[in-house]
Amino acid sequence: VQLQASGGGLVQAGGSLRLSCAVPRTIRGIMTRSWYRQAPQKEREFVARIVVNGQTDYAESVKGRFTISRNIAKNTHDLQMERLGPDDTAVYYCRVDGNGSGTRWGQGTLVTVSS
């Protein structure tokens, strides 16, 4: 059972994209919904998270530009990305962590920002 990330694509520097992560309803007890990214030849890194009480947390590199949100009814969480730059080029992965269900990852969606 896998998360489904979507919304990636090619965008010019300064542009915006919105990623979405659909979480199967069989995954219960979700405590944290998050996004990570992996740029070419780099380690996967944390981007943003939203926890069960709605509190959010962001990597310094995306603060003020990216916004994570969730739709509990639809069991999705989105990442709105603004003022994108070439350094944001990466495969973006969504993730959930939950009681009992552990950590689950999506398959990744590619974001390419052209300069």
N, C-alpha and C. Protein backbone atom coordinates (compact mmCIF):
# COMPACT_ATOMS: atom_id res chain seq x y z
N VAL A 1 0.87 -1.17 0.00
CA VAL A 1 0.00 0.00 0.00
C VAL A 1 0.91 1.22 0.00
N GLN A 2 0.77 2.05 -1.03
CA GLN A 2 1.72 3.13 -1.22
C GLN A 2 1.00 4.46 -1.36
N LEU A 3 1.68 5.50 -0.88
CA LEU A 3 1.18 6.85 -1.07
C LEU A 3 1.38 7.25 -2.54
N GLN A 4 0.52 8.11 -3.04
CA GLN A 4 0.60 8.54 -4.43
C GLN A 4 0.87 10.05 -4.47
N ALA A 5 2.07 10.40 -4.91
CA ALA A 5 2.44 11.81 -5.05
C ALA A 5 2.19 12.25 -6.48
N SER A 6 1.71 13.47 -6.65
CA SER A 6 1.45 13.99 -7.98
C SER A 6 1.67 15.50 -7.99
N GLY A 7 1.72 16.07 -9.21
CA GLY A 7 1.80 17.51 -9.34
C GLY A 7 3.14 18.03 -9.79
N GLY A 8 4.13 17.16 -9.91
CA GLY A 8 5.43 17.62 -10.36
C GLY A 8 5.41 18.03 -11.82
N GLY A 9 6.50 18.65 -12.25
CA GLY A 9 6.59 19.07 -13.63
C GLY A 9 7.74 20.03 -13.84
N LEU A 10 7.74 20.66 -15.01
CA LEU A 10 8.76 21.62 -15.37
C LEU A 10 8.20 23.03 -15.20
N VAL A 11 8.95 23.86 -14.52
CA VAL A 11 8.50 25.22 -14.28
C VAL A 11 9.70 26.16 -14.39
N GLN A 12 9.46 27.38 -14.80
CA GLN A 12 10.54 28.36 -14.88
C GLN A 12 10.84 28.92 -13.49
N ALA A 13 12.06 29.36 -13.32
CA ALA A 13 12.44 29.98 -12.05
C ALA A 13 11.48 31.13 -11.74
N GLY A 14 11.09 31.19 -10.48
CA GLY A 14 10.12 32.19 -10.05
C GLY A 14 8.69 31.71 -10.08
N GLY A 15 8.48 30.55 -10.69
CA GLY A 15 7.13 30.02 -10.82
C GLY A 15 6.68 29.24 -9.61
N SER A 16 5.50 28.63 -9.75
CA SER A 16 4.87 27.91 -8.64
C SER A 16 4.41 26.53 -9.09
N LEU A 17 4.33 25.63 -8.14
CA LEU A 17 3.76 24.32 -8.36
C LEU A 17 3.07 23.87 -7.07
N ARG A 18 2.11 23.00 -7.23
CA ARG A 18 1.43 22.42 -6.07
C ARG A 18 1.50 20.91 -6.17
N LEU A 19 2.10 20.29 -5.19
CA LEU A 19 2.17 18.84 -5.12
C LEU A 19 1.07 18.33 -4.21
N SER A 20 0.62 17.13 -4.50
CA SER A 20 -0.42 16.52 -3.68
C SER A 20 -0.04 15.08 -3.37
N CYS A 21 -0.38 14.63 -2.19
CA CYS A 21 -0.10 13.26 -1.77
C CYS A 21 -1.41 12.62 -1.31
N ALA A 22 -1.79 11.56 -1.99
CA ALA A 22 -2.98 10.80 -1.61
C ALA A 22 -2.56 9.62 -0.75
N VAL A 23 -3.16 9.53 0.41
CA VAL A 23 -2.80 8.48 1.38
C VAL A 23 -3.91 7.43 1.42
N PRO A 24 -3.60 6.19 1.21
CA PRO A 24 -4.63 5.14 1.29
C PRO A 24 -5.30 5.13 2.66
N ARG A 25 -6.61 4.91 2.64
CA ARG A 25 -7.34 4.95 3.91
C ARG A 25 -7.04 3.75 4.79
N THR A 26 -6.33 2.79 4.28
CA THR A 26 -5.94 1.64 5.09
C THR A 26 -4.82 2.00 6.06
N ILE A 27 -4.18 3.14 5.83
CA ILE A 27 -3.13 3.60 6.74
C ILE A 27 -3.80 4.43 7.83
N ARG A 28 -3.75 3.94 9.04
CA ARG A 28 -4.46 4.58 10.15
C ARG A 28 -3.48 5.20 11.15
N GLY A 29 -4.04 6.02 12.00
CA GLY A 29 -3.26 6.57 13.10
C GLY A 29 -2.12 7.48 12.66
N ILE A 30 -2.38 8.26 11.60
CA ILE A 30 -1.31 9.13 11.08
C ILE A 30 -1.03 10.26 12.06
N MET A 31 0.21 10.40 12.43
CA MET A 31 0.64 11.46 13.35
C MET A 31 1.33 12.59 12.63
N THR A 32 2.07 12.27 11.58
CA THR A 32 2.84 13.29 10.85
C THR A 32 2.72 13.04 9.35
N ARG A 33 2.47 14.14 8.62
CA ARG A 33 2.46 14.10 7.15
C ARG A 33 3.58 15.03 6.69
N SER A 34 4.40 14.55 5.77
CA SER A 34 5.56 15.36 5.41
C SER A 34 5.95 15.20 3.95
N TRP A 35 6.86 16.08 3.56
CA TRP A 35 7.46 16.06 2.23
C TRP A 35 8.98 16.08 2.38
N TYR A 36 9.64 15.30 1.55
CA TYR A 36 11.09 15.27 1.45
C TYR A 36 11.45 15.44 -0.02
N ARG A 37 12.71 15.70 -0.28
CA ARG A 37 13.15 15.80 -1.67
C ARG A 37 14.57 15.27 -1.80
N GLN A 38 14.88 14.84 -2.99
CA GLN A 38 16.22 14.35 -3.29
C GLN A 38 16.67 14.91 -4.61
N ALA A 39 17.66 15.77 -4.56
CA ALA A 39 18.25 16.34 -5.76
C ALA A 39 19.29 15.37 -6.32
N PRO A 40 19.64 15.53 -7.59
CA PRO A 40 20.65 14.64 -8.20
C PRO A 40 21.95 14.64 -7.41
N GLN A 41 22.47 13.48 -7.16
CA GLN A 41 23.73 13.28 -6.43
C GLN A 41 23.71 13.82 -5.00
N LYS A 42 22.53 13.95 -4.43
CA LYS A 42 22.43 14.43 -3.05
C LYS A 42 21.59 13.47 -2.23
N GLU A 43 21.71 13.62 -0.91
CA GLU A 43 20.91 12.81 0.00
C GLU A 43 19.47 13.33 0.02
N ARG A 44 18.56 12.45 0.37
CA ARG A 44 17.18 12.89 0.55
C ARG A 44 17.13 13.81 1.77
N GLU A 45 16.38 14.90 1.65
CA GLU A 45 16.33 15.88 2.74
C GLU A 45 14.90 16.25 3.08
N PHE A 46 14.72 16.63 4.30
CA PHE A 46 13.43 17.06 4.80
C PHE A 46 13.04 18.41 4.18
N VAL A 47 11.75 18.56 3.86
CA VAL A 47 11.25 19.82 3.31
C VAL A 47 10.22 20.44 4.26
N ALA A 48 9.19 19.69 4.60
CA ALA A 48 8.11 20.26 5.42
C ALA A 48 7.32 19.13 6.07
N ARG A 49 6.70 19.45 7.22
CA ARG A 49 5.84 18.48 7.88
C ARG A 49 4.68 19.20 8.55
N ILE A 50 3.60 18.45 8.71
CA ILE A 50 2.46 18.93 9.49
C ILE A 50 2.07 17.79 10.42
N VAL A 51 1.95 18.12 11.70
CA VAL A 51 1.67 17.08 12.67
C VAL A 51 0.20 17.08 13.03
N VAL A 52 -0.18 16.14 13.87
CA VAL A 52 -1.59 15.87 14.10
C VAL A 52 -2.34 17.08 14.66
N ASN A 53 -1.64 17.94 15.41
CA ASN A 53 -2.32 19.12 15.97
C ASN A 53 -2.31 20.31 15.01
N GLY A 54 -1.80 20.10 13.80
CA GLY A 54 -1.79 21.15 12.79
C GLY A 54 -0.51 21.98 12.75
N GLN A 55 0.36 21.76 13.70
CA GLN A 55 1.62 22.51 13.71
C GLN A 55 2.47 22.11 12.50
N THR A 56 3.12 23.12 11.91
CA THR A 56 3.95 22.87 10.73
C THR A 56 5.41 23.20 11.02
N ASP A 57 6.27 22.63 10.20
CA ASP A 57 7.71 22.81 10.35
C ASP A 57 8.31 22.76 8.95
N TYR A 58 9.30 23.63 8.70
CA TYR A 58 9.88 23.73 7.37
C TYR A 58 11.40 23.73 7.43
N ALA A 59 12.00 23.24 6.37
CA ALA A 59 13.44 23.41 6.20
C ALA A 59 13.72 24.89 5.99
N GLU A 60 14.88 25.33 6.46
CA GLU A 60 15.23 26.75 6.33
C GLU A 60 15.20 27.21 4.88
N SER A 61 15.61 26.32 3.99
CA SER A 61 15.73 26.70 2.58
C SER A 61 14.39 26.98 1.90
N VAL A 62 13.29 26.54 2.51
CA VAL A 62 11.98 26.72 1.88
C VAL A 62 11.05 27.60 2.69
N LYS A 63 11.47 27.99 3.87
CA LYS A 63 10.61 28.82 4.71
C LYS A 63 10.20 30.09 3.99
N GLY A 64 8.92 30.41 4.09
CA GLY A 64 8.40 31.61 3.44
C GLY A 64 8.04 31.41 1.98
N ARG A 65 8.42 30.27 1.41
CA ARG A 65 8.11 30.00 -0.01
C ARG A 65 7.18 28.80 -0.17
N PHE A 66 7.32 27.82 0.70
CA PHE A 66 6.53 26.59 0.61
C PHE A 66 5.53 26.55 1.76
N THR A 67 4.36 25.97 1.47
CA THR A 67 3.33 25.81 2.49
C THR A 67 2.78 24.40 2.42
N ILE A 68 2.81 23.71 3.55
CA ILE A 68 2.22 22.37 3.62
C ILE A 68 0.82 22.49 4.21
N SER A 69 -0.09 21.70 3.67
CA SER A 69 -1.46 21.69 4.18
C SER A 69 -2.00 20.27 4.10
N ARG A 70 -3.11 20.06 4.74
CA ARG A 70 -3.70 18.72 4.73
C ARG A 70 -5.21 18.83 4.57
N ASN A 71 -5.79 17.78 4.03
CA ASN A 71 -7.24 17.65 3.95
C ASN A 71 -7.56 16.30 4.57
N ILE A 72 -7.98 16.34 5.82
CA ILE A 72 -8.20 15.09 6.54
C ILE A 72 -9.33 14.29 5.93
N ALA A 73 -10.37 14.98 5.46
CA ALA A 73 -11.52 14.28 4.88
C ALA A 73 -11.10 13.50 3.63
N LYS A 74 -10.20 14.09 2.84
CA LYS A 74 -9.75 13.42 1.62
C LYS A 74 -8.50 12.57 1.86
N ASN A 75 -7.93 12.71 3.07
CA ASN A 75 -6.71 11.99 3.42
C ASN A 75 -5.56 12.33 2.47
N THR A 76 -5.40 13.61 2.24
CA THR A 76 -4.32 14.09 1.38
C THR A 76 -3.50 15.16 2.11
N HIS A 77 -2.29 15.38 1.65
CA HIS A 77 -1.56 16.56 2.09
C HIS A 77 -0.81 17.14 0.89
N ASP A 78 -0.84 18.45 0.80
CA ASP A 78 -0.30 19.17 -0.34
C ASP A 78 0.91 19.99 0.05
N LEU A 79 1.69 20.33 -0.96
CA LEU A 79 2.82 21.23 -0.78
C LEU A 79 2.72 22.31 -1.84
N GLN A 80 2.37 23.51 -1.43
CA GLN A 80 2.33 24.66 -2.34
C GLN A 80 3.71 25.28 -2.36
N MET A 81 4.30 25.37 -3.55
CA MET A 81 5.66 25.87 -3.70
C MET A 81 5.65 27.13 -4.53
N GLU A 82 6.19 28.19 -3.97
CA GLU A 82 6.23 29.49 -4.64
C GLU A 82 7.68 29.92 -4.85
N ARG A 83 7.85 30.84 -5.78
CA ARG A 83 9.18 31.42 -6.05
C ARG A 83 10.24 30.33 -6.17
N LEU A 84 9.94 29.37 -7.02
CA LEU A 84 10.86 28.24 -7.19
C LEU A 84 12.14 28.68 -7.87
N GLY A 85 13.23 28.03 -7.48
CA GLY A 85 14.52 28.28 -8.10
C GLY A 85 15.17 26.98 -8.52
N PRO A 86 16.24 27.05 -9.31
CA PRO A 86 16.90 25.83 -9.78
C PRO A 86 17.32 24.90 -8.64
N ASP A 87 17.63 25.44 -7.47
CA ASP A 87 18.03 24.60 -6.34
C ASP A 87 16.87 23.79 -5.79
N ASP A 88 15.66 24.08 -6.21
CA ASP A 88 14.50 23.29 -5.79
C ASP A 88 14.27 22.08 -6.69
N THR A 89 15.04 21.97 -7.75
CA THR A 89 14.92 20.81 -8.64
C THR A 89 15.26 19.54 -7.88
N ALA A 90 14.33 18.60 -7.88
CA ALA A 90 14.51 17.36 -7.12
C ALA A 90 13.32 16.44 -7.38
N VAL A 91 13.48 15.21 -6.95
CA VAL A 91 12.31 14.33 -6.84
C VAL A 91 11.74 14.55 -5.44
N TYR A 92 10.46 14.85 -5.40
CA TYR A 92 9.78 15.13 -4.13
C TYR A 92 8.99 13.89 -3.70
N TYR A 93 9.19 13.52 -2.45
CA TYR A 93 8.55 12.34 -1.88
C TYR A 93 7.63 12.75 -0.73
N CYS A 94 6.44 12.18 -0.72
CA CYS A 94 5.61 12.40 0.45
C CYS A 94 5.76 11.21 1.39
N ARG A 95 5.41 11.48 2.62
CA ARG A 95 5.64 10.48 3.67
C ARG A 95 4.60 10.68 4.77
N VAL A 96 4.23 9.57 5.41
CA VAL A 96 3.43 9.66 6.63
C VAL A 96 4.06 8.78 7.69
N ASP A 97 3.89 9.20 8.91
CA ASP A 97 4.34 8.41 10.07
C ASP A 97 3.14 8.27 11.00
N GLY A 98 2.89 7.05 11.42
CA GLY A 98 1.72 6.84 12.24
C GLY A 98 1.90 5.79 13.31
N ASN A 99 0.99 5.80 14.25
CA ASN A 99 0.97 4.78 15.28
C ASN A 99 0.54 3.46 14.66
N GLY A 100 1.39 2.49 14.80
CA GLY A 100 1.05 1.18 14.28
C GLY A 100 1.41 0.98 12.81
N SER A 101 1.23 2.05 11.99
CA SER A 101 1.50 1.91 10.56
C SER A 101 2.93 2.20 10.21
N GLY A 102 3.68 2.79 11.14
CA GLY A 102 5.08 3.09 10.86
C GLY A 102 5.24 4.20 9.84
N THR A 103 6.33 4.15 9.11
CA THR A 103 6.65 5.15 8.09
C THR A 103 6.33 4.61 6.71
N ARG A 104 5.60 5.40 5.96
CA ARG A 104 5.27 5.01 4.57
C ARG A 104 5.67 6.14 3.64
N TRP A 105 6.17 5.76 2.45
CA TRP A 105 6.64 6.72 1.46
C TRP A 105 5.82 6.63 0.18
N GLY A 106 5.75 7.74 -0.52
CA GLY A 106 5.20 7.75 -1.86
C GLY A 106 6.30 7.47 -2.87
N GLN A 107 5.92 7.37 -4.13
CA GLN A 107 6.86 6.97 -5.18
C GLN A 107 7.70 8.13 -5.69
N GLY A 108 7.38 9.34 -5.35
CA GLY A 108 8.15 10.49 -5.80
C GLY A 108 7.56 11.13 -7.05
N THR A 109 7.70 12.46 -7.10
CA THR A 109 7.28 13.21 -8.27
C THR A 109 8.37 14.22 -8.58
N LEU A 110 8.74 14.31 -9.85
CA LEU A 110 9.88 15.12 -10.25
C LEU A 110 9.49 16.58 -10.47
N VAL A 111 10.24 17.45 -9.83
CA VAL A 111 10.09 18.89 -10.04
C VAL A 111 11.38 19.40 -10.67
N THR A 112 11.25 20.04 -11.83
CA THR A 112 12.40 20.60 -12.52
C THR A 112 12.17 22.09 -12.70
N VAL A 113 13.11 22.87 -12.19
CA VAL A 113 13.01 24.33 -12.30
C VAL A 113 14.10 24.81 -13.24
N SER A 114 13.68 25.43 -14.31
CA SER A 114 14.64 25.93 -15.30
C SER A 114 15.01 27.38 -14.99
N SER A 115 16.26 27.71 -15.24
CA SER A 115 16.72 29.07 -14.93
C SER A 115 16.52 29.99 -16.12
